[in-house]
Amino acid sequence: MDLFTQLLLAAISSGTPLLFAALGGILIERSGIIQLGAEGLMLMGAVTACLTYLHTNSLGLTLLAVFAVSAALGLVHGFLTVTLRTNQIVSGLAMTLFGTGFSAYLGKSVSGLPIPGAVPKVHLDFLKDVPVLGDVFGRLDLLTWVSFLLVIVLHLFIHRTSAGLHLRAIGDNPATADVMGIRVQLVRYACIMAGSVLIGLAGADLLLVFSPTWIEGMTAGRGWIAVALIIFARWNPIRALLCAYFFGVLDTMGFRIQLIGSEIPSYFLKMIPYVVTILVLMFLGWRNRNKPSGAPESLGVPYLREQRF
């Protein structure tokens, strides 16, 4: 296996958790709700996956537990932002702080325990003789293929279905959508919970596939990178796929540079994805300063339904 193929495989493995989290954030923010709790949700998803798998040794039960915990946290965020109309930024930050602290508490007893081989590989024998493609796509894990499928499904849902049109209408102008008979609060609750499940799944993928052992704070800022990816992708699932793997490449570059004997301190090499995130945000902000951002027009604006007498 050549260096390019190894780098591509590492980029996909590193980028898949970012992709799950970005897809979840896109779904939530398309409904007009800001989601800044990705870091906390990913950590809760990771620690839930670790605890459940070590006690049950079942991937199915593990994913169900992750879905349940993530949906419950999403319900809390939905209640605060949709029903109580609290500040969405504050609610998201509170979710991150809660997830960071509570996951550290829950994971103390299992810290450092290995979880190898939890997610099976999907072997595609018909690709084994195809150069590069066979090495890359011939033995990816199950969750990576699920992420590919989710990109297609979510893109078609948002841009090719009537339900997706309703979702975009709610994100742009919830009052008009309400007048047209669309149940704004119900759709927002559904999107927040479904998006939170995807973000929790990102944490589970990070633990079960990319780094199969629980370490306190193991996301290391990936939740915040996922938030930035939503902006880079302009709330488009297909662009999110490309952006996630681009940052996956950056994440693996530091390790590869160390392997070739570079004298650059490892701490600086680990900074590469975060520095590039800041630089790209600055560049996009400057380039698109006179253009629409692509964000839902009512993103972050609480909707108060008018009283009818």
C-alpha atoms as a PDB file:
ATOM      1  CA  MET A   1       0.000   0.000   0.000  1.00  0.00           C
ATOM      2  CA  ASP A   2       1.572   3.287  -1.098  1.00  0.00           C
ATOM      3  CA  LEU A   3       1.773   6.484   0.925  1.00  0.00           C
ATOM      4  CA  PHE A   4      -1.098   8.178  -0.932  1.00  0.00           C
ATOM      5  CA  THR A   5      -3.470   5.293  -0.205  1.00  0.00           C
ATOM      6  CA  GLN A   6      -2.458   5.215   3.442  1.00  0.00           C
ATOM      7  CA  LEU A   7      -3.042   8.954   3.738  1.00  0.00           C
ATOM      8  CA  LEU A   8      -6.453   8.653   2.081  1.00  0.00           C
ATOM      9  CA  LEU A   9      -7.507   5.845   4.397  1.00  0.00           C
ATOM     10  CA  ALA A  10      -6.348   7.809   7.427  1.00  0.00           C
ATOM     11  CA  ALA A  11      -8.198  10.908   6.202  1.00  0.00           C
ATOM     12  CA  ILE A  12     -11.453   8.967   5.826  1.00  0.00           C
ATOM     13  CA  SER A  13     -11.061   7.421   9.274  1.00  0.00           C
ATOM     14  CA  SER A  14     -10.303  10.789  10.876  1.00  0.00           C
ATOM     15  CA  GLY A  15     -12.903  12.698   8.843  1.00  0.00           C
ATOM     16  CA  THR A  16     -15.877  10.395   9.408  1.00  0.00           C
ATOM     17  CA  PRO A  17     -16.624  11.626  12.982  1.00  0.00           C
ATOM     18  CA  LEU A  18     -16.434  15.196  11.676  1.00  0.00           C
ATOM     19  CA  LEU A  19     -18.815  14.272   8.862  1.00  0.00           C
ATOM     20  CA  PHE A  20     -21.417  12.768  11.211  1.00  0.00           C
ATOM     21  CA  ALA A  21     -21.256  15.837  13.460  1.00  0.00           C
ATOM     22  CA  ALA A  22     -21.453  18.270  10.535  1.00  0.00           C
ATOM     23  CA  LEU A  23     -24.472  16.458   9.056  1.00  0.00           C
ATOM     24  CA  GLY A  24     -26.233  16.613  12.407  1.00  0.00           C
ATOM     25  CA  GLY A  25     -25.451  20.306  12.731  1.00  0.00           C
ATOM     26  CA  ILE A  26     -26.691  21.012   9.212  1.00  0.00           C
ATOM     27  CA  LEU A  27     -30.018  19.319   9.955  1.00  0.00           C
ATOM     28  CA  ILE A  28     -30.460  21.299  13.171  1.00  0.00           C
ATOM     29  CA  GLU A  29     -29.426  24.656  11.752  1.00  0.00           C
ATOM     30  CA  ARG A  30     -31.544  24.228   8.634  1.00  0.00           C
ATOM     31  CA  SER A  31     -34.509  24.446  11.005  1.00  0.00           C
ATOM     32  CA  GLY A  32     -33.237  27.789  12.325  1.00  0.00           C
ATOM     33  CA  ILE A  33     -31.667  26.603  15.611  1.00  0.00           C
ATOM     34  CA  ILE A  34     -27.985  27.226  16.343  1.00  0.00           C
ATOM     35  CA  GLN A  35     -26.123  24.164  17.621  1.00  0.00           C
ATOM     36  CA  LEU A  36     -22.947  24.901  19.556  1.00  0.00           C
ATOM     37  CA  GLY A  37     -23.193  21.833  21.773  1.00  0.00           C
ATOM     38  CA  ALA A  38     -21.494  19.445  19.347  1.00  0.00           C
ATOM     39  CA  GLU A  39     -18.417  18.990  21.538  1.00  0.00           C
ATOM     40  CA  GLY A  40     -20.475  17.937  24.547  1.00  0.00           C
ATOM     41  CA  LEU A  41     -22.772  15.705  22.515  1.00  0.00           C
ATOM     42  CA  MET A  42     -19.810  13.945  20.905  1.00  0.00           C
ATOM     43  CA  LEU A  43     -18.227  13.293  24.302  1.00  0.00           C
ATOM     44  CA  MET A  44     -21.490  11.949  25.691  1.00  0.00           C
ATOM     45  CA  GLY A  45     -21.882   9.736  22.635  1.00  0.00           C
ATOM     46  CA  ALA A  46     -18.340   8.431  23.068  1.00  0.00           C
ATOM     47  CA  VAL A  47     -18.594   7.644  26.775  1.00  0.00           C
ATOM     48  CA  THR A  48     -22.033   6.062  26.317  1.00  0.00           C
ATOM     49  CA  ALA A  49     -20.654   3.860  23.551  1.00  0.00           C
ATOM     50  CA  CYS A  50     -17.695   2.849  25.707  1.00  0.00           C
ATOM     51  CA  LEU A  51     -19.738   1.971  28.793  1.00  0.00           C
ATOM     52  CA  THR A  52     -22.444   0.134  26.867  1.00  0.00           C
ATOM     53  CA  TYR A  53     -20.106  -1.898  24.671  1.00  0.00           C
ATOM     54  CA  LEU A  54     -17.906  -2.967  27.575  1.00  0.00           C
ATOM     55  CA  HIS A  55     -20.975  -4.204  29.489  1.00  0.00           C
ATOM     56  CA  THR A  56     -22.924  -5.776  26.598  1.00  0.00           C
ATOM     57  CA  ASN A  57     -20.337  -6.509  23.900  1.00  0.00           C
ATOM     58  CA  SER A  58     -23.110  -5.717  21.400  1.00  0.00           C
ATOM     59  CA  LEU A  59     -22.741  -3.085  18.682  1.00  0.00           C
ATOM     60  CA  GLY A  60     -26.509  -2.885  18.184  1.00  0.00           C
ATOM     61  CA  LEU A  61     -27.260  -2.187  21.849  1.00  0.00           C
ATOM     62  CA  THR A  62     -24.363   0.254  21.966  1.00  0.00           C
ATOM     63  CA  LEU A  63     -25.728   2.311  19.078  1.00  0.00           C
ATOM     64  CA  LEU A  64     -29.241   2.231  20.563  1.00  0.00           C
ATOM     65  CA  ALA A  65     -27.885   3.573  23.857  1.00  0.00           C
ATOM     66  CA  VAL A  66     -25.998   6.334  22.027  1.00  0.00           C
ATOM     67  CA  PHE A  67     -29.140   7.246  20.084  1.00  0.00           C
ATOM     68  CA  ALA A  68     -31.241   7.370  23.264  1.00  0.00           C
ATOM     69  CA  VAL A  69     -28.789   9.534  25.237  1.00  0.00           C
ATOM     70  CA  SER A  70     -28.173  11.900  22.305  1.00  0.00           C
ATOM     71  CA  ALA A  71     -31.897  12.256  21.566  1.00  0.00           C
ATOM     72  CA  ALA A  72     -32.576  13.021  25.248  1.00  0.00           C
ATOM     73  CA  LEU A  73     -29.932  15.758  25.258  1.00  0.00           C
ATOM     74  CA  GLY A  74     -31.351  17.081  21.996  1.00  0.00           C
ATOM     75  CA  LEU A  75     -34.798  17.158  23.595  1.00  0.00           C
ATOM     76  CA  VAL A  76     -33.413  19.289  26.419  1.00  0.00           C
ATOM     77  CA  HIS A  77     -31.820  21.685  23.926  1.00  0.00           C
ATOM     78  CA  GLY A  78     -35.090  21.805  21.967  1.00  0.00           C
ATOM     79  CA  PHE A  79     -37.129  22.534  25.088  1.00  0.00           C
ATOM     80  CA  LEU A  80     -34.811  25.394  26.039  1.00  0.00           C
ATOM     81  CA  THR A  81     -34.568  26.975  22.594  1.00  0.00           C
ATOM     82  CA  VAL A  82     -37.938  26.186  20.979  1.00  0.00           C
ATOM     83  CA  THR A  83     -40.393  26.151  23.884  1.00  0.00           C
ATOM     84  CA  LEU A  84     -38.717  28.495  26.376  1.00  0.00           C
ATOM     85  CA  ARG A  85     -37.000  30.539  23.613  1.00  0.00           C
ATOM     86  CA  THR A  86     -33.783  30.939  25.591  1.00  0.00           C
ATOM     87  CA  ASN A  87     -30.618  32.210  23.967  1.00  0.00           C
ATOM     88  CA  GLN A  88     -29.533  29.477  21.561  1.00  0.00           C
ATOM     89  CA  ILE A  89     -25.826  30.227  21.876  1.00  0.00           C
ATOM     90  CA  VAL A  90     -25.939  30.028  25.673  1.00  0.00           C
ATOM     91  CA  SER A  91     -27.934  26.788  25.530  1.00  0.00           C
ATOM     92  CA  GLY A  92     -25.414  25.224  23.153  1.00  0.00           C
ATOM     93  CA  LEU A  93     -22.454  26.280  25.271  1.00  0.00           C
ATOM     94  CA  ALA A  94     -24.187  24.898  28.368  1.00  0.00           C
ATOM     95  CA  MET A  95     -24.620  21.585  26.520  1.00  0.00           C
ATOM     96  CA  THR A  96     -20.900  21.531  25.750  1.00  0.00           C
ATOM     97  CA  LEU A  97     -19.928  22.275  29.350  1.00  0.00           C
ATOM     98  CA  PHE A  98     -22.354  19.680  30.695  1.00  0.00           C
ATOM     99  CA  GLY A  99     -21.235  17.004  28.235  1.00  0.00           C
ATOM    100  CA  THR A 100     -17.561  17.671  28.906  1.00  0.00           C
ATOM    101  CA  GLY A 101     -17.890  17.443  32.684  1.00  0.00           C
ATOM    102  CA  PHE A 102     -20.422  14.613  32.915  1.00  0.00           C
ATOM    103  CA  SER A 103     -18.612  12.426  30.382  1.00  0.00           C
ATOM    104  CA  ALA A 104     -15.391  12.819  32.364  1.00  0.00           C
ATOM    105  CA  TYR A 105     -17.212  11.691  35.510  1.00  0.00           C
ATOM    106  CA  LEU A 106     -18.882   8.703  33.817  1.00  0.00           C
ATOM    107  CA  GLY A 107     -15.710   7.598  32.048  1.00  0.00           C
ATOM    108  CA  LYS A 108     -13.414   7.439  35.078  1.00  0.00           C
ATOM    109  CA  SER A 109     -14.001   3.727  35.622  1.00  0.00           C
ATOM    110  CA  VAL A 110     -13.300   2.750  32.000  1.00  0.00           C
ATOM    111  CA  SER A 111     -10.512   5.152  31.120  1.00  0.00           C
ATOM    112  CA  GLY A 112      -7.835   3.448  29.052  1.00  0.00           C
ATOM    113  CA  LEU A 113      -9.693   0.155  28.536  1.00  0.00           C
ATOM    114  CA  PRO A 114      -9.321  -1.045  24.908  1.00  0.00           C
ATOM    115  CA  ILE A 115     -12.343  -1.638  22.654  1.00  0.00           C
ATOM    116  CA  PRO A 116     -10.906  -3.335  19.552  1.00  0.00           C
ATOM    117  CA  GLY A 117     -12.953  -4.615  16.637  1.00  0.00           C
ATOM    118  CA  ALA A 118     -16.302  -3.242  17.759  1.00  0.00           C
ATOM    119  CA  VAL A 119     -17.373  -2.139  14.271  1.00  0.00           C
ATOM    120  CA  PRO A 120     -17.076  -4.778  11.509  1.00  0.00           C
ATOM    121  CA  LYS A 121     -15.358  -4.113   8.200  1.00  0.00           C
ATOM    122  CA  VAL A 122     -17.333  -4.335   4.966  1.00  0.00           C
ATOM    123  CA  HIS A 123     -15.252  -6.398   2.524  1.00  0.00           C
ATOM    124  CA  LEU A 124     -15.995  -5.753  -1.145  1.00  0.00           C
ATOM    125  CA  ASP A 125     -14.135  -8.522  -2.927  1.00  0.00           C
ATOM    126  CA  PHE A 126     -15.012  -7.249  -6.409  1.00  0.00           C
ATOM    127  CA  LEU A 127     -12.837  -4.174  -5.725  1.00  0.00           C
ATOM    128  CA  LYS A 128      -9.755  -5.997  -4.457  1.00  0.00           C
ATOM    129  CA  ASP A 129      -7.997  -5.965  -7.840  1.00  0.00           C
ATOM    130  CA  VAL A 130      -8.779  -2.305  -8.591  1.00  0.00           C
ATOM    131  CA  PRO A 131      -5.750  -0.059  -7.909  1.00  0.00           C
ATOM    132  CA  VAL A 132      -6.227   2.451  -5.056  1.00  0.00           C
ATOM    133  CA  LEU A 133     -10.028   1.988  -4.980  1.00  0.00           C
ATOM    134  CA  GLY A 134      -9.649  -1.591  -3.838  1.00  0.00           C
ATOM    135  CA  ASP A 135      -7.322  -0.644  -0.983  1.00  0.00           C
ATOM    136  CA  VAL A 136      -9.448   2.322   0.086  1.00  0.00           C
ATOM    137  CA  PHE A 137     -13.068   1.263  -0.418  1.00  0.00           C
ATOM    138  CA  GLY A 138     -12.633  -2.504  -0.315  1.00  0.00           C
ATOM    139  CA  ARG A 139     -12.509  -2.752   3.491  1.00  0.00           C
ATOM    140  CA  LEU A 140     -14.036   0.289   5.107  1.00  0.00           C
ATOM    141  CA  ASP A 141     -15.934  -0.125   8.352  1.00  0.00           C
ATOM    142  CA  LEU A 142     -19.719  -0.210   8.552  1.00  0.00           C
ATOM    143  CA  LEU A 143     -20.158   3.275  10.077  1.00  0.00           C
ATOM    144  CA  THR A 144     -18.155   4.881   7.276  1.00  0.00           C
ATOM    145  CA  TRP A 145     -20.525   3.401   4.705  1.00  0.00           C
ATOM    146  CA  VAL A 146     -23.430   4.627   6.814  1.00  0.00           C
ATOM    147  CA  SER A 147     -21.953   8.144   6.656  1.00  0.00           C
ATOM    148  CA  PHE A 148     -21.798   7.957   2.837  1.00  0.00           C
ATOM    149  CA  LEU A 149     -25.436   6.899   2.730  1.00  0.00           C
ATOM    150  CA  LEU A 150     -26.470   9.667   5.124  1.00  0.00           C
ATOM    151  CA  VAL A 151     -24.851  12.311   2.925  1.00  0.00           C
ATOM    152  CA  ILE A 152     -26.939  11.188  -0.060  1.00  0.00           C
ATOM    153  CA  VAL A 153     -30.159  10.781   1.943  1.00  0.00           C
ATOM    154  CA  LEU A 154     -29.846  14.128   3.707  1.00  0.00           C
ATOM    155  CA  HIS A 155     -28.998  15.969   0.480  1.00  0.00           C
ATOM    156  CA  LEU A 156     -32.005  14.481  -1.315  1.00  0.00           C
ATOM    157  CA  PHE A 157     -34.229  15.142   1.693  1.00  0.00           C
ATOM    158  CA  ILE A 158     -33.305  18.825   1.939  1.00  0.00           C
ATOM    159  CA  HIS A 159     -33.276  19.653  -1.769  1.00  0.00           C
ATOM    160  CA  ARG A 160     -35.593  17.141  -3.443  1.00  0.00           C
ATOM    161  CA  THR A 161     -38.555  16.504  -1.117  1.00  0.00           C
ATOM    162  CA  SER A 162     -41.558  18.493   0.048  1.00  0.00           C
ATOM    163  CA  ALA A 163     -40.569  17.846   3.673  1.00  0.00           C
ATOM    164  CA  GLY A 164     -37.158  19.335   2.919  1.00  0.00           C
ATOM    165  CA  LEU A 165     -38.851  22.360   1.364  1.00  0.00           C
ATOM    166  CA  HIS A 166     -40.856  22.779   4.574  1.00  0.00           C
ATOM    167  CA  LEU A 167     -37.630  22.539   6.571  1.00  0.00           C
ATOM    168  CA  ARG A 168     -35.940  25.243   4.500  1.00  0.00           C
ATOM    169  CA  ALA A 169     -39.043  27.422   4.791  1.00  0.00           C
ATOM    170  CA  ILE A 170     -38.965  27.123   8.579  1.00  0.00           C
ATOM    171  CA  GLY A 171     -35.283  28.031   8.649  1.00  0.00           C
ATOM    172  CA  ASP A 172     -35.787  31.083   6.442  1.00  0.00           C
ATOM    173  CA  ASN A 173     -39.183  32.378   7.590  1.00  0.00           C
ATOM    174  CA  PRO A 174     -40.969  30.412  10.308  1.00  0.00           C
ATOM    175  CA  ALA A 175     -43.901  32.856  10.460  1.00  0.00           C
ATOM    176  CA  THR A 176     -44.731  32.320   6.787  1.00  0.00           C
ATOM    177  CA  ALA A 177     -44.296  28.564   7.175  1.00  0.00           C
ATOM    178  CA  ASP A 178     -46.676  28.632  10.137  1.00  0.00           C
ATOM    179  CA  VAL A 179     -49.292  30.489   8.107  1.00  0.00           C
ATOM    180  CA  MET A 180     -49.001  27.811   5.408  1.00  0.00           C
ATOM    181  CA  GLY A 181     -49.911  25.161   7.969  1.00  0.00           C
ATOM    182  CA  ILE A 182     -46.427  23.777   8.713  1.00  0.00           C
ATOM    183  CA  ARG A 183     -45.995  22.849  12.371  1.00  0.00           C
ATOM    184  CA  VAL A 184     -42.877  24.851  13.115  1.00  0.00           C
ATOM    185  CA  GLN A 185     -42.235  23.682  16.666  1.00  0.00           C
ATOM    186  CA  LEU A 186     -42.774  20.012  15.841  1.00  0.00           C
ATOM    187  CA  VAL A 187     -40.362  20.128  12.890  1.00  0.00           C
ATOM    188  CA  ARG A 188     -37.752  21.949  14.936  1.00  0.00           C
ATOM    189  CA  TYR A 189     -37.988  19.431  17.761  1.00  0.00           C
ATOM    190  CA  ALA A 190     -37.655  16.557  15.278  1.00  0.00           C
ATOM    191  CA  CYS A 191     -34.631  18.117  13.580  1.00  0.00           C
ATOM    192  CA  ILE A 192     -32.897  18.938  16.859  1.00  0.00           C
ATOM    193  CA  MET A 193     -33.323  15.412  18.168  1.00  0.00           C
ATOM    194  CA  ALA A 194     -32.346  13.723  14.881  1.00  0.00           C
ATOM    195  CA  GLY A 195     -29.349  16.029  14.459  1.00  0.00           C
ATOM    196  CA  SER A 196     -28.269  15.393  18.049  1.00  0.00           C
ATOM    197  CA  VAL A 197     -28.392  11.650  17.362  1.00  0.00           C
ATOM    198  CA  LEU A 198     -26.025  12.116  14.416  1.00  0.00           C
ATOM    199  CA  ILE A 199     -23.651  14.202  16.540  1.00  0.00           C
ATOM    200  CA  GLY A 200     -23.727  11.559  19.273  1.00  0.00           C
ATOM    201  CA  LEU A 201     -23.015   8.953  16.602  1.00  0.00           C
ATOM    202  CA  ALA A 202     -19.951  11.012  15.661  1.00  0.00           C
ATOM    203  CA  GLY A 203     -18.624  10.535  19.184  1.00  0.00           C
ATOM    204  CA  ALA A 204     -19.403   6.813  19.036  1.00  0.00           C
ATOM    205  CA  ASP A 205     -17.550   6.493  15.733  1.00  0.00           C
ATOM    206  CA  LEU A 206     -14.589   8.377  17.181  1.00  0.00           C
ATOM    207  CA  LEU A 207     -14.344   5.883  20.032  1.00  0.00           C
ATOM    208  CA  LEU A 208     -15.327   2.622  18.323  1.00  0.00           C
ATOM    209  CA  VAL A 209     -13.353   3.122  15.091  1.00  0.00           C
ATOM    210  CA  PHE A 210     -10.810   5.933  15.150  1.00  0.00           C
ATOM    211  CA  SER A 211      -9.470   5.740  18.721  1.00  0.00           C
ATOM    212  CA  PRO A 212     -10.832   2.589  20.419  1.00  0.00           C
ATOM    213  CA  THR A 213     -10.322   3.548  24.050  1.00  0.00           C
ATOM    214  CA  TRP A 214     -11.951   6.170  26.263  1.00  0.00           C
ATOM    215  CA  ILE A 215      -9.819   9.157  27.211  1.00  0.00           C
ATOM    216  CA  GLU A 216     -11.197  12.187  29.003  1.00  0.00           C
ATOM    217  CA  GLY A 217     -11.761  15.003  26.496  1.00  0.00           C
ATOM    218  CA  MET A 218     -10.896  12.696  23.601  1.00  0.00           C
ATOM    219  CA  THR A 219     -12.740  14.828  21.042  1.00  0.00           C
ATOM    220  CA  ALA A 220      -9.995  17.462  21.452  1.00  0.00           C
ATOM    221  CA  GLY A 221     -12.016  20.240  19.824  1.00  0.00           C
ATOM    222  CA  ARG A 222     -13.450  18.191  16.951  1.00  0.00           C
ATOM    223  CA  GLY A 223     -16.939  19.369  17.871  1.00  0.00           C
ATOM    224  CA  TRP A 224     -15.883  22.955  17.244  1.00  0.00           C
ATOM    225  CA  ILE A 225     -14.267  22.002  13.945  1.00  0.00           C
ATOM    226  CA  ALA A 226     -17.587  20.381  12.977  1.00  0.00           C
ATOM    227  CA  VAL A 227     -19.343  23.672  13.723  1.00  0.00           C
ATOM    228  CA  ALA A 228     -16.877  25.419  11.420  1.00  0.00           C
ATOM    229  CA  LEU A 229     -17.406  22.753   8.743  1.00  0.00           C
ATOM    230  CA  ILE A 230     -21.094  23.638   8.608  1.00  0.00           C
ATOM    231  CA  ILE A 231     -20.118  27.170   7.625  1.00  0.00           C
ATOM    232  CA  PHE A 232     -17.460  25.993   5.152  1.00  0.00           C
ATOM    233  CA  ALA A 233     -19.994  23.665   3.537  1.00  0.00           C
ATOM    234  CA  ARG A 234     -22.624  26.430   3.394  1.00  0.00           C
ATOM    235  CA  TRP A 235     -25.149  24.090   5.019  1.00  0.00           C
ATOM    236  CA  ASN A 236     -24.833  21.553   2.163  1.00  0.00           C
ATOM    237  CA  PRO A 237     -24.308  17.827   3.016  1.00  0.00           C
ATOM    238  CA  ILE A 238     -22.212  17.013  -0.061  1.00  0.00           C
ATOM    239  CA  ARG A 239     -19.863  19.911   0.580  1.00  0.00           C
ATOM    240  CA  ALA A 240     -19.683  18.773   4.191  1.00  0.00           C
ATOM    241  CA  LEU A 241     -18.314  15.422   2.983  1.00  0.00           C
ATOM    242  CA  LEU A 242     -15.489  17.111   1.079  1.00  0.00           C
ATOM    243  CA  CYS A 243     -14.712  19.517   3.927  1.00  0.00           C
ATOM    244  CA  ALA A 244     -14.663  16.730   6.533  1.00  0.00           C
ATOM    245  CA  TYR A 245     -12.143  14.680   4.578  1.00  0.00           C
ATOM    246  CA  PHE A 246     -10.042  17.768   3.887  1.00  0.00           C
ATOM    247  CA  PHE A 247      -9.709  18.335   7.612  1.00  0.00           C
ATOM    248  CA  GLY A 248      -9.187  14.611   8.044  1.00  0.00           C
ATOM    249  CA  VAL A 249      -6.107  14.959   5.857  1.00  0.00           C
ATOM    250  CA  LEU A 250      -4.886  17.865   7.972  1.00  0.00           C
ATOM    251  CA  ASP A 251      -5.463  15.861  11.146  1.00  0.00           C
ATOM    252  CA  THR A 252      -3.328  12.964   9.906  1.00  0.00           C
ATOM    253  CA  MET A 253      -0.567  15.128   8.437  1.00  0.00           C
ATOM    254  CA  GLY A 254       0.961  15.864  11.823  1.00  0.00           C
ATOM    255  CA  PHE A 255       1.437  12.182  12.602  1.00  0.00           C
ATOM    256  CA  ARG A 256       2.832  11.474   9.120  1.00  0.00           C
ATOM    257  CA  ILE A 257       5.281  14.359   9.395  1.00  0.00           C
ATOM    258  CA  GLN A 258       6.548  12.933  12.684  1.00  0.00           C
ATOM    259  CA  LEU A 259       7.059   9.533  11.063  1.00  0.00           C
ATOM    260  CA  ILE A 260       9.485  10.929   8.498  1.00  0.00           C
ATOM    261  CA  GLY A 261      11.682  12.272  11.288  1.00  0.00           C
ATOM    262  CA  SER A 262      10.698  15.932  11.361  1.00  0.00           C
ATOM    263  CA  GLU A 263      12.124  17.994  14.209  1.00  0.00           C
ATOM    264  CA  ILE A 264       9.005  20.168  14.446  1.00  0.00           C
ATOM    265  CA  PRO A 265       7.514  19.779  17.963  1.00  0.00           C
ATOM    266  CA  SER A 266       4.438  17.540  18.004  1.00  0.00           C
ATOM    267  CA  TYR A 267       2.393  20.233  19.753  1.00  0.00           C
ATOM    268  CA  PHE A 268       2.765  22.493  16.720  1.00  0.00           C
ATOM    269  CA  LEU A 269       1.866  19.668  14.346  1.00  0.00           C
ATOM    270  CA  LYS A 270      -1.332  18.977  16.314  1.00  0.00           C
ATOM    271  CA  MET A 271      -2.276  22.635  15.874  1.00  0.00           C
ATOM    272  CA  ILE A 272      -2.506  22.319  12.075  1.00  0.00           C
ATOM    273  CA  PRO A 273      -6.277  21.556  11.778  1.00  0.00           C
ATOM    274  CA  TYR A 274      -7.221  24.335  14.205  1.00  0.00           C
ATOM    275  CA  VAL A 275      -4.967  26.960  12.650  1.00  0.00           C
ATOM    276  CA  VAL A 276      -6.286  26.099   9.190  1.00  0.00           C
ATOM    277  CA  THR A 277      -9.854  26.333  10.539  1.00  0.00           C
ATOM    278  CA  ILE A 278      -9.236  29.905  11.691  1.00  0.00           C
ATOM    279  CA  LEU A 279      -7.490  30.866   8.449  1.00  0.00           C
ATOM    280  CA  VAL A 280     -10.240  29.403   6.259  1.00  0.00           C
ATOM    281  CA  LEU A 281     -12.935  31.175   8.283  1.00  0.00           C
ATOM    282  CA  MET A 282     -11.066  34.466   7.868  1.00  0.00           C
ATOM    283  CA  PHE A 283     -10.633  33.886   4.130  1.00  0.00           C
ATOM    284  CA  LEU A 284     -14.260  32.932   3.553  1.00  0.00           C
ATOM    285  CA  GLY A 285     -15.445  35.898   5.599  1.00  0.00           C
ATOM    286  CA  TRP A 286     -13.323  38.256   3.507  1.00  0.00           C
ATOM    287  CA  ARG A 287     -14.200  36.687   0.139  1.00  0.00           C
ATOM    288  CA  ASN A 288     -17.944  36.540   0.821  1.00  0.00           C
ATOM    289  CA  ARG A 289     -18.228  39.816   2.686  1.00  0.00           C
ATOM    290  CA  ASN A 290     -20.621  41.221   0.061  1.00  0.00           C
ATOM    291  CA  LYS A 291     -22.430  37.943  -0.686  1.00  0.00           C
ATOM    292  CA  PRO A 292     -25.175  35.982   1.104  1.00  0.00           C
ATOM    293  CA  SER A 293     -23.689  33.581   3.630  1.00  0.00           C
ATOM    294  CA  GLY A 294     -25.947  30.696   2.659  1.00  0.00           C
ATOM    295  CA  ALA A 295     -27.179  30.362   6.234  1.00  0.00           C
ATOM    296  CA  PRO A 296     -30.917  30.064   6.975  1.00  0.00           C
ATOM    297  CA  GLU A 297     -32.234  33.599   7.286  1.00  0.00           C
ATOM    298  CA  SER A 298     -33.867  33.012  10.683  1.00  0.00           C
ATOM    299  CA  LEU A 299     -30.949  31.097  12.173  1.00  0.00           C
ATOM    300  CA  GLY A 300     -30.698  31.920  15.870  1.00  0.00           C
ATOM    301  CA  VAL A 301     -33.910  33.970  15.952  1.00  0.00           C
ATOM    302  CA  PRO A 302     -36.533  32.615  18.392  1.00  0.00           C
ATOM    303  CA  TYR A 303     -39.985  32.223  16.869  1.00  0.00           C
ATOM    304  CA  LEU A 304     -42.936  33.482  18.897  1.00  0.00           C
ATOM    305  CA  ARG A 305     -46.225  32.489  17.376  1.00  0.00           C
ATOM    306  CA  GLU A 306     -48.711  35.372  17.360  1.00  0.00           C
ATOM    307  CA  GLN A 307     -51.728  35.033  19.548  1.00  0.00           C
ATOM    308  CA  ARG A 308     -55.007  34.539  17.698  1.00  0.00           C
ATOM    309  CA  PHE A 309     -58.285  35.715  19.186  1.00  0.00           C
END
